N, C-alpha and C. Protein backbone atom coordinates (compact mmCIF):
# COMPACT_ATOMS: atom_id res chain seq x y z
N MET A 1 -29.34 7.02 -16.27
CA MET A 1 -28.22 6.44 -15.55
C MET A 1 -27.02 7.35 -15.70
N PRO A 2 -26.36 7.71 -14.60
CA PRO A 2 -25.20 8.60 -14.69
C PRO A 2 -24.03 7.91 -15.41
N ALA A 3 -23.20 8.74 -16.03
CA ALA A 3 -22.03 8.21 -16.73
C ALA A 3 -21.08 7.56 -15.73
N ARG A 4 -20.50 6.49 -16.12
CA ARG A 4 -19.55 5.78 -15.26
C ARG A 4 -18.19 6.47 -15.31
N ARG A 5 -17.62 6.71 -14.17
CA ARG A 5 -16.32 7.36 -14.12
C ARG A 5 -15.23 6.33 -14.37
N TYR A 6 -14.31 6.66 -15.26
CA TYR A 6 -13.22 5.74 -15.59
C TYR A 6 -12.27 5.58 -14.42
N ASN A 7 -11.90 6.66 -13.78
CA ASN A 7 -11.01 6.62 -12.62
C ASN A 7 -11.77 7.12 -11.39
N PRO A 8 -12.48 6.24 -10.73
CA PRO A 8 -13.21 6.68 -9.54
C PRO A 8 -12.24 7.17 -8.47
N PRO A 9 -12.73 8.00 -7.54
CA PRO A 9 -11.84 8.50 -6.48
C PRO A 9 -11.24 7.34 -5.69
N MET A 10 -10.03 7.57 -5.22
CA MET A 10 -9.35 6.57 -4.42
C MET A 10 -10.09 6.39 -3.10
N SER A 11 -10.26 5.17 -2.69
CA SER A 11 -10.95 4.92 -1.43
C SER A 11 -10.13 5.46 -0.26
N ARG A 12 -10.83 5.75 0.84
CA ARG A 12 -10.16 6.26 2.04
C ARG A 12 -9.14 5.24 2.54
N LEU A 13 -9.49 3.96 2.49
CA LEU A 13 -8.58 2.92 2.95
C LEU A 13 -7.30 2.92 2.11
N ARG A 14 -7.43 3.02 0.81
CA ARG A 14 -6.26 3.02 -0.06
C ARG A 14 -5.36 4.21 0.25
N ARG A 15 -5.96 5.40 0.49
CA ARG A 15 -5.16 6.58 0.81
C ARG A 15 -4.38 6.38 2.10
N MET A 16 -4.98 5.72 3.08
CA MET A 16 -4.30 5.49 4.34
C MET A 16 -3.11 4.55 4.18
N LEU A 17 -3.14 3.72 3.16
CA LEU A 17 -2.07 2.74 2.97
C LEU A 17 -0.92 3.25 2.11
N LEU A 18 -0.98 4.52 1.71
CA LEU A 18 0.05 5.03 0.80
C LEU A 18 1.40 5.26 1.45
N THR A 19 1.43 5.73 2.67
CA THR A 19 2.71 5.98 3.30
C THR A 19 2.97 4.90 4.34
N GLY A 20 4.24 4.71 4.64
CA GLY A 20 4.60 3.69 5.60
C GLY A 20 4.46 2.28 5.05
N ARG A 21 4.38 2.15 3.74
CA ARG A 21 4.23 0.86 3.08
C ARG A 21 5.28 0.74 1.98
N ILE A 22 5.57 -0.49 1.61
CA ILE A 22 6.45 -0.76 0.48
C ILE A 22 5.57 -1.37 -0.61
N PHE A 23 5.79 -0.95 -1.83
CA PHE A 23 5.03 -1.46 -2.96
C PHE A 23 5.94 -2.13 -3.97
N PHE A 24 5.47 -3.23 -4.51
CA PHE A 24 6.14 -3.90 -5.62
C PHE A 24 5.32 -3.56 -6.86
N ILE A 25 5.93 -2.86 -7.80
CA ILE A 25 5.22 -2.34 -8.97
C ILE A 25 5.83 -2.93 -10.23
N THR A 26 4.95 -3.27 -11.17
CA THR A 26 5.36 -3.72 -12.50
C THR A 26 4.63 -2.88 -13.53
N THR A 27 5.36 -2.35 -14.49
CA THR A 27 4.76 -1.61 -15.59
C THR A 27 5.44 -2.02 -16.89
N HIS A 28 4.65 -2.09 -17.95
CA HIS A 28 5.13 -2.63 -19.23
C HIS A 28 5.28 -1.55 -20.30
N VAL A 29 6.25 -1.76 -21.17
CA VAL A 29 6.46 -0.91 -22.33
C VAL A 29 5.52 -1.38 -23.44
N GLU A 30 5.00 -0.44 -24.20
CA GLU A 30 4.15 -0.79 -25.35
C GLU A 30 4.95 -1.65 -26.33
N PRO A 31 4.35 -2.70 -26.87
CA PRO A 31 5.07 -3.53 -27.84
C PRO A 31 5.61 -2.72 -29.03
N SER A 32 4.88 -1.68 -29.43
CA SER A 32 5.33 -0.87 -30.57
C SER A 32 6.59 -0.07 -30.27
N ALA A 33 6.93 0.11 -28.98
CA ALA A 33 8.14 0.86 -28.60
C ALA A 33 9.36 -0.04 -28.44
N LEU A 34 9.16 -1.33 -28.58
CA LEU A 34 10.26 -2.29 -28.41
C LEU A 34 10.97 -2.52 -29.73
N PRO A 35 12.20 -2.93 -29.73
CA PRO A 35 13.07 -3.27 -28.61
C PRO A 35 13.73 -2.02 -28.02
N LEU A 36 14.11 -2.15 -26.78
CA LEU A 36 14.84 -1.08 -26.10
C LEU A 36 16.33 -1.34 -26.22
N THR A 37 17.08 -0.28 -26.33
CA THR A 37 18.54 -0.40 -26.38
C THR A 37 19.09 -0.39 -24.95
N PRO A 38 20.32 -0.81 -24.75
CA PRO A 38 20.92 -0.71 -23.41
C PRO A 38 20.89 0.73 -22.87
N THR A 39 21.13 1.71 -23.73
CA THR A 39 21.08 3.11 -23.30
C THR A 39 19.68 3.50 -22.85
N GLU A 40 18.66 2.98 -23.53
CA GLU A 40 17.28 3.27 -23.15
C GLU A 40 16.92 2.62 -21.82
N ASN A 41 17.45 1.44 -21.56
CA ASN A 41 17.26 0.82 -20.24
C ASN A 41 17.85 1.72 -19.15
N ASP A 42 19.05 2.24 -19.40
CA ASP A 42 19.68 3.18 -18.46
C ASP A 42 18.81 4.41 -18.27
N THR A 43 18.28 4.94 -19.36
CA THR A 43 17.44 6.14 -19.33
C THR A 43 16.22 5.93 -18.44
N ILE A 44 15.59 4.77 -18.54
CA ILE A 44 14.40 4.48 -17.73
C ILE A 44 14.77 4.43 -16.25
N LEU A 45 15.86 3.76 -15.92
CA LEU A 45 16.27 3.69 -14.52
C LEU A 45 16.69 5.05 -13.98
N LEU A 46 17.34 5.85 -14.79
CA LEU A 46 17.72 7.20 -14.35
C LEU A 46 16.48 8.08 -14.16
N ALA A 47 15.44 7.85 -14.95
CA ALA A 47 14.18 8.58 -14.75
C ALA A 47 13.56 8.23 -13.41
N ALA A 48 13.67 6.96 -13.02
CA ALA A 48 13.16 6.53 -11.70
C ALA A 48 13.95 7.22 -10.59
N SER A 49 15.26 7.30 -10.76
CA SER A 49 16.10 7.96 -9.76
C SER A 49 15.76 9.45 -9.67
N ASP A 50 15.58 10.09 -10.81
CA ASP A 50 15.24 11.52 -10.83
C ASP A 50 13.87 11.78 -10.22
N ALA A 51 12.92 10.90 -10.46
CA ALA A 51 11.55 11.10 -9.96
C ALA A 51 11.49 11.09 -8.45
N ARG A 52 12.35 10.35 -7.81
CA ARG A 52 12.26 10.28 -6.34
C ARG A 52 12.66 11.59 -5.68
N LYS A 53 13.35 12.47 -6.41
CA LYS A 53 13.67 13.79 -5.86
C LYS A 53 12.41 14.64 -5.74
N ASN A 54 11.53 14.55 -6.73
CA ASN A 54 10.31 15.35 -6.74
C ASN A 54 9.16 14.69 -6.00
N ARG A 55 9.09 13.38 -6.04
CA ARG A 55 7.94 12.66 -5.50
C ARG A 55 8.19 12.08 -4.11
N LYS A 56 9.39 12.17 -3.62
CA LYS A 56 9.72 11.75 -2.26
C LYS A 56 9.32 10.31 -1.96
N PHE A 57 10.00 9.40 -2.59
CA PHE A 57 9.82 7.98 -2.27
C PHE A 57 11.19 7.33 -2.14
N ALA A 58 11.22 6.26 -1.38
CA ALA A 58 12.45 5.49 -1.22
C ALA A 58 12.45 4.40 -2.29
N LEU A 59 13.51 4.32 -3.04
CA LEU A 59 13.68 3.28 -4.07
C LEU A 59 14.49 2.15 -3.44
N LEU A 60 13.84 1.01 -3.24
CA LEU A 60 14.45 -0.10 -2.51
C LEU A 60 14.94 -1.23 -3.41
N GLY A 61 14.50 -1.25 -4.63
CA GLY A 61 14.93 -2.27 -5.57
C GLY A 61 14.37 -1.95 -6.95
N TYR A 62 15.06 -2.42 -7.97
CA TYR A 62 14.60 -2.18 -9.33
C TYR A 62 15.15 -3.24 -10.27
N LEU A 63 14.46 -3.38 -11.38
CA LEU A 63 14.90 -4.29 -12.44
C LEU A 63 14.27 -3.84 -13.73
N MET A 64 15.07 -3.60 -14.74
CA MET A 64 14.59 -3.30 -16.08
C MET A 64 14.77 -4.54 -16.93
N MET A 65 13.65 -5.09 -17.37
CA MET A 65 13.64 -6.24 -18.26
C MET A 65 13.43 -5.74 -19.69
N PRO A 66 13.55 -6.60 -20.70
CA PRO A 66 13.37 -6.13 -22.08
C PRO A 66 12.00 -5.54 -22.38
N THR A 67 10.97 -5.94 -21.62
CA THR A 67 9.62 -5.46 -21.91
C THR A 67 8.94 -4.74 -20.76
N HIS A 68 9.55 -4.76 -19.58
CA HIS A 68 8.87 -4.18 -18.43
C HIS A 68 9.86 -3.75 -17.34
N LEU A 69 9.31 -2.97 -16.40
CA LEU A 69 10.08 -2.43 -15.30
C LEU A 69 9.46 -2.89 -13.99
N HIS A 70 10.29 -3.37 -13.07
CA HIS A 70 9.86 -3.70 -11.71
C HIS A 70 10.48 -2.69 -10.76
N LEU A 71 9.70 -2.23 -9.79
CA LEU A 71 10.20 -1.32 -8.77
C LEU A 71 9.72 -1.77 -7.39
N LEU A 72 10.58 -1.65 -6.42
CA LEU A 72 10.20 -1.78 -5.02
C LEU A 72 10.40 -0.39 -4.44
N LEU A 73 9.29 0.24 -4.04
CA LEU A 73 9.41 1.60 -3.53
C LEU A 73 8.50 1.83 -2.34
N ALA A 74 8.85 2.86 -1.58
CA ALA A 74 8.10 3.22 -0.38
C ALA A 74 7.87 4.73 -0.39
N PRO A 75 6.62 5.16 -0.53
CA PRO A 75 6.33 6.60 -0.47
C PRO A 75 6.71 7.16 0.90
N THR A 76 7.30 8.34 0.91
CA THR A 76 7.68 8.96 2.18
C THR A 76 6.82 10.17 2.49
N GLN A 77 5.87 10.47 1.63
CA GLN A 77 4.89 11.51 1.90
C GLN A 77 3.59 11.09 1.23
N SER A 78 2.54 11.84 1.47
CA SER A 78 1.23 11.40 0.97
C SER A 78 1.06 11.76 -0.51
N ASP A 79 1.82 11.12 -1.33
CA ASP A 79 1.72 11.24 -2.78
C ASP A 79 1.13 9.93 -3.29
N THR A 80 0.51 9.94 -4.42
CA THR A 80 -0.10 8.71 -4.91
C THR A 80 0.91 7.90 -5.72
N LEU A 81 0.69 6.60 -5.71
CA LEU A 81 1.53 5.73 -6.53
C LEU A 81 1.43 6.12 -7.99
N SER A 82 0.22 6.44 -8.42
CA SER A 82 0.05 6.79 -9.83
C SER A 82 0.84 8.05 -10.18
N ALA A 83 0.92 9.02 -9.27
CA ALA A 83 1.71 10.23 -9.54
C ALA A 83 3.20 9.90 -9.63
N MET A 84 3.66 9.04 -8.75
CA MET A 84 5.07 8.63 -8.79
C MET A 84 5.40 7.92 -10.09
N LEU A 85 4.55 6.95 -10.43
CA LEU A 85 4.79 6.17 -11.64
C LEU A 85 4.63 7.04 -12.89
N ARG A 86 3.66 7.94 -12.87
CA ARG A 86 3.45 8.84 -14.01
C ARG A 86 4.70 9.67 -14.26
N GLU A 87 5.30 10.18 -13.20
CA GLU A 87 6.51 10.99 -13.38
C GLU A 87 7.65 10.17 -13.98
N ILE A 88 7.82 8.96 -13.52
CA ILE A 88 8.86 8.09 -14.08
C ILE A 88 8.58 7.83 -15.55
N LYS A 89 7.35 7.46 -15.87
CA LYS A 89 6.99 7.12 -17.24
C LYS A 89 7.12 8.32 -18.18
N ILE A 90 6.62 9.47 -17.75
CA ILE A 90 6.68 10.66 -18.62
C ILE A 90 8.13 11.07 -18.86
N THR A 91 8.92 11.11 -17.80
CA THR A 91 10.33 11.51 -17.95
C THR A 91 11.07 10.56 -18.88
N ALA A 92 10.91 9.26 -18.65
CA ALA A 92 11.61 8.27 -19.49
C ALA A 92 11.15 8.34 -20.94
N SER A 93 9.85 8.39 -21.15
CA SER A 93 9.35 8.37 -22.53
C SER A 93 9.75 9.64 -23.28
N LYS A 94 9.74 10.80 -22.62
CA LYS A 94 10.18 12.04 -23.29
C LYS A 94 11.65 11.94 -23.70
N ARG A 95 12.48 11.44 -22.80
CA ARG A 95 13.91 11.33 -23.11
C ARG A 95 14.17 10.33 -24.24
N ILE A 96 13.47 9.21 -24.21
CA ILE A 96 13.68 8.20 -25.24
C ILE A 96 13.12 8.68 -26.58
N HIS A 97 11.93 9.28 -26.57
CA HIS A 97 11.38 9.82 -27.83
C HIS A 97 12.28 10.90 -28.41
N ALA A 98 12.86 11.75 -27.56
CA ALA A 98 13.76 12.79 -28.04
C ALA A 98 14.99 12.17 -28.70
N ALA A 99 15.54 11.14 -28.08
CA ALA A 99 16.73 10.48 -28.64
C ALA A 99 16.40 9.74 -29.93
N ARG A 100 15.23 9.12 -29.98
CA ARG A 100 14.82 8.38 -31.18
C ARG A 100 14.26 9.29 -32.28
N LYS A 101 13.90 10.51 -31.89
CA LYS A 101 13.20 11.44 -32.78
C LYS A 101 11.86 10.84 -33.22
N THR A 102 11.13 10.32 -32.24
CA THR A 102 9.83 9.71 -32.47
C THR A 102 8.81 10.33 -31.52
N SER A 103 7.58 9.90 -31.65
CA SER A 103 6.53 10.32 -30.72
C SER A 103 5.53 9.18 -30.61
N GLY A 104 4.55 9.37 -29.75
CA GLY A 104 3.51 8.35 -29.60
C GLY A 104 3.61 7.63 -28.28
N GLY A 105 2.83 6.57 -28.17
CA GLY A 105 2.78 5.81 -26.92
C GLY A 105 4.09 5.10 -26.65
N PHE A 106 4.41 5.02 -25.39
CA PHE A 106 5.62 4.30 -25.00
C PHE A 106 5.31 3.26 -23.92
N TRP A 107 4.53 3.63 -22.92
CA TRP A 107 4.17 2.74 -21.82
C TRP A 107 2.74 2.26 -21.97
N GLN A 108 2.48 1.05 -21.53
CA GLN A 108 1.11 0.60 -21.44
C GLN A 108 0.44 1.41 -20.33
N PRO A 109 -0.85 1.69 -20.45
CA PRO A 109 -1.50 2.61 -19.50
C PRO A 109 -1.64 2.08 -18.08
N ARG A 110 -1.70 0.82 -17.90
CA ARG A 110 -1.90 0.27 -16.55
C ARG A 110 -0.59 -0.27 -15.99
N SER A 111 -0.57 -0.38 -14.68
CA SER A 111 0.55 -1.03 -14.01
C SER A 111 -0.05 -1.90 -12.91
N PHE A 112 0.78 -2.72 -12.32
CA PHE A 112 0.35 -3.63 -11.27
C PHE A 112 1.12 -3.31 -10.00
N ASP A 113 0.42 -3.25 -8.87
CA ASP A 113 1.13 -3.00 -7.62
C ASP A 113 0.63 -3.96 -6.54
N ARG A 114 1.52 -4.23 -5.63
CA ARG A 114 1.21 -5.12 -4.51
C ARG A 114 1.90 -4.56 -3.27
N ILE A 115 1.20 -4.56 -2.16
CA ILE A 115 1.78 -4.08 -0.91
C ILE A 115 2.65 -5.18 -0.31
N ILE A 116 3.85 -4.79 0.09
CA ILE A 116 4.76 -5.71 0.77
C ILE A 116 4.52 -5.53 2.27
N ARG A 117 4.13 -6.61 2.94
CA ARG A 117 3.68 -6.49 4.32
C ARG A 117 4.69 -6.98 5.37
N SER A 118 5.78 -7.57 4.95
CA SER A 118 6.75 -8.05 5.93
C SER A 118 8.14 -8.10 5.31
N ARG A 119 9.12 -8.24 6.17
CA ARG A 119 10.50 -8.36 5.70
C ARG A 119 10.66 -9.61 4.84
N ALA A 120 10.03 -10.70 5.25
CA ALA A 120 10.13 -11.96 4.49
C ALA A 120 9.57 -11.79 3.08
N ILE A 121 8.45 -11.11 2.96
CA ILE A 121 7.85 -10.90 1.63
C ILE A 121 8.71 -9.93 0.82
N PHE A 122 9.29 -8.92 1.49
CA PHE A 122 10.20 -8.01 0.80
C PHE A 122 11.39 -8.77 0.24
N GLU A 123 12.00 -9.62 1.06
CA GLU A 123 13.16 -10.38 0.61
C GLU A 123 12.80 -11.33 -0.54
N LYS A 124 11.61 -11.91 -0.48
CA LYS A 124 11.15 -12.78 -1.56
C LYS A 124 10.95 -11.97 -2.85
N ALA A 125 10.37 -10.78 -2.74
CA ALA A 125 10.17 -9.92 -3.91
C ALA A 125 11.50 -9.47 -4.49
N LEU A 126 12.45 -9.12 -3.62
CA LEU A 126 13.77 -8.70 -4.07
C LEU A 126 14.49 -9.85 -4.78
N LEU A 127 14.39 -11.04 -4.23
CA LEU A 127 15.00 -12.21 -4.87
C LEU A 127 14.36 -12.47 -6.23
N TYR A 128 13.03 -12.35 -6.30
CA TYR A 128 12.33 -12.50 -7.58
C TYR A 128 12.87 -11.49 -8.60
N LEU A 129 13.00 -10.24 -8.16
CA LEU A 129 13.55 -9.20 -9.04
C LEU A 129 14.91 -9.60 -9.59
N HIS A 130 15.79 -9.97 -8.71
CA HIS A 130 17.17 -10.23 -9.11
C HIS A 130 17.33 -11.51 -9.91
N LEU A 131 16.46 -12.48 -9.69
CA LEU A 131 16.55 -13.73 -10.45
C LEU A 131 15.74 -13.71 -11.75
N ASN A 132 14.93 -12.69 -11.95
CA ASN A 132 14.07 -12.61 -13.12
C ASN A 132 14.84 -12.75 -14.44
N PRO A 133 15.97 -12.06 -14.63
CA PRO A 133 16.71 -12.21 -15.89
C PRO A 133 17.27 -13.62 -16.09
N VAL A 134 17.59 -14.30 -14.99
CA VAL A 134 18.08 -15.67 -15.07
C VAL A 134 16.93 -16.58 -15.48
N GLU A 135 15.78 -16.42 -14.83
CA GLU A 135 14.59 -17.23 -15.15
C GLU A 135 14.14 -17.02 -16.59
N ALA A 136 14.35 -15.81 -17.11
CA ALA A 136 13.96 -15.49 -18.49
C ALA A 136 15.04 -15.87 -19.50
N ASN A 137 16.10 -16.55 -19.04
CA ASN A 137 17.21 -16.99 -19.89
C ASN A 137 17.91 -15.83 -20.60
N LEU A 138 18.00 -14.69 -19.91
CA LEU A 138 18.73 -13.55 -20.46
C LEU A 138 20.18 -13.54 -20.01
N THR A 139 20.45 -14.27 -18.92
CA THR A 139 21.79 -14.38 -18.38
C THR A 139 21.83 -15.62 -17.49
N ASP A 140 23.02 -16.01 -17.10
CA ASP A 140 23.11 -17.19 -16.23
C ASP A 140 23.35 -16.83 -14.77
N HIS A 141 23.50 -15.51 -14.47
CA HIS A 141 23.68 -15.08 -13.09
C HIS A 141 23.20 -13.63 -12.96
N PRO A 142 22.53 -13.29 -11.85
CA PRO A 142 22.03 -11.92 -11.69
C PRO A 142 23.11 -10.85 -11.80
N ALA A 143 24.34 -11.17 -11.42
CA ALA A 143 25.43 -10.19 -11.49
C ALA A 143 25.77 -9.81 -12.92
N LYS A 144 25.32 -10.60 -13.87
CA LYS A 144 25.61 -10.32 -15.28
C LYS A 144 24.51 -9.48 -15.93
N TRP A 145 23.45 -9.14 -15.17
CA TRP A 145 22.37 -8.30 -15.71
C TRP A 145 22.54 -6.90 -15.14
N ARG A 146 22.94 -6.00 -15.97
CA ARG A 146 23.32 -4.65 -15.57
C ARG A 146 22.18 -3.82 -14.98
N TRP A 147 20.94 -4.04 -15.44
CA TRP A 147 19.82 -3.16 -15.12
C TRP A 147 19.03 -3.66 -13.92
N SER A 148 19.72 -3.82 -12.81
CA SER A 148 19.14 -4.41 -11.63
C SER A 148 19.78 -3.80 -10.39
N SER A 149 19.04 -3.86 -9.29
CA SER A 149 19.60 -3.38 -8.03
C SER A 149 20.47 -4.45 -7.35
N TRP A 150 20.75 -5.53 -8.05
CA TRP A 150 21.57 -6.62 -7.53
C TRP A 150 22.85 -6.10 -6.86
N PHE A 151 23.53 -5.18 -7.54
CA PHE A 151 24.82 -4.70 -7.05
C PHE A 151 24.70 -3.80 -5.83
N ALA A 152 23.51 -3.31 -5.56
CA ALA A 152 23.30 -2.53 -4.34
C ALA A 152 23.22 -3.43 -3.12
N TYR A 153 22.89 -4.70 -3.34
CA TYR A 153 22.73 -5.66 -2.24
C TYR A 153 23.84 -6.70 -2.17
N ASN A 154 24.67 -6.77 -3.20
CA ASN A 154 25.71 -7.79 -3.27
C ASN A 154 27.03 -7.16 -3.72
N PRO A 155 28.14 -7.66 -3.25
CA PRO A 155 29.43 -7.10 -3.67
C PRO A 155 29.74 -7.48 -5.11
N GLY A 156 30.61 -6.70 -5.71
CA GLY A 156 31.10 -7.08 -7.04
C GLY A 156 30.77 -6.11 -8.14
N GLY A 157 30.14 -5.02 -7.85
CA GLY A 157 29.82 -4.06 -8.89
C GLY A 157 29.17 -2.82 -8.32
N THR A 158 28.82 -1.92 -9.21
CA THR A 158 28.18 -0.67 -8.81
C THR A 158 26.83 -0.59 -9.49
N PRO A 159 25.76 -0.32 -8.74
CA PRO A 159 24.45 -0.21 -9.38
C PRO A 159 24.37 1.02 -10.27
N ILE A 160 23.52 0.98 -11.28
CA ILE A 160 23.31 2.13 -12.16
C ILE A 160 22.82 3.31 -11.34
N ILE A 161 21.88 3.04 -10.44
CA ILE A 161 21.38 4.08 -9.55
C ILE A 161 21.43 3.55 -8.12
N PRO A 162 21.68 4.41 -7.17
CA PRO A 162 21.72 3.95 -5.77
C PRO A 162 20.31 3.65 -5.27
N ILE A 163 20.24 2.79 -4.30
CA ILE A 163 18.96 2.50 -3.66
C ILE A 163 18.97 3.08 -2.26
N ASP A 164 17.78 3.13 -1.69
CA ASP A 164 17.63 3.57 -0.31
C ASP A 164 17.56 2.34 0.57
N ARG A 165 17.95 2.48 1.81
CA ARG A 165 17.89 1.37 2.77
C ARG A 165 16.77 1.64 3.76
N ILE A 166 16.19 0.59 4.29
CA ILE A 166 15.17 0.74 5.32
C ILE A 166 15.58 -0.07 6.53
N ASP A 167 15.11 0.36 7.67
CA ASP A 167 15.34 -0.38 8.91
C ASP A 167 14.10 -1.20 9.20
N TRP A 168 14.30 -2.49 9.36
CA TRP A 168 13.20 -3.38 9.67
C TRP A 168 13.13 -3.58 11.17
N PRO A 169 11.94 -3.77 11.71
CA PRO A 169 11.85 -4.10 13.13
C PRO A 169 12.54 -5.43 13.39
N ILE A 170 13.04 -5.61 14.61
CA ILE A 170 13.75 -6.83 14.95
C ILE A 170 12.80 -8.02 14.92
N THR A 171 11.57 -7.84 15.40
CA THR A 171 10.59 -8.91 15.36
C THR A 171 9.49 -8.56 14.39
N GLU A 172 8.91 -9.56 13.82
CA GLU A 172 7.81 -9.34 12.87
C GLU A 172 6.63 -10.20 13.22
């Protein structure tokens, strides 16, 4: 019996869905790397901003929670989600390990992604992102959670990193 491949090749269908789509991604920090400091939360979000220069994706929403990162992104060229996420994770973990003077695992190896298929689902995902710190009892209002794209969509503050905007069709 041939050896089973851990990462089988991406299906043709999956490759076709990489561009022209929006993805909602969640990735977790290893429990051994917790807790994160406010500066480390900033570092992770800045790594996401830096990665989009090399990987060419639109960053449409983000949220850094105490244990995980949520991203709403849209690839703008035929790059893989795993390559985009790998760049964010590697950049952030190197910067944080350098500041901590530590080494070892930082991110859990797997992440979760879901394709956003409509404006309504996008808005629901964005609302989930922004209300997540409130639901987790970390704050009483999304505007009080600094590590979120809330301020890119609502008046009253400046986001840590800018987001990209997309044009939705008038009818769906």
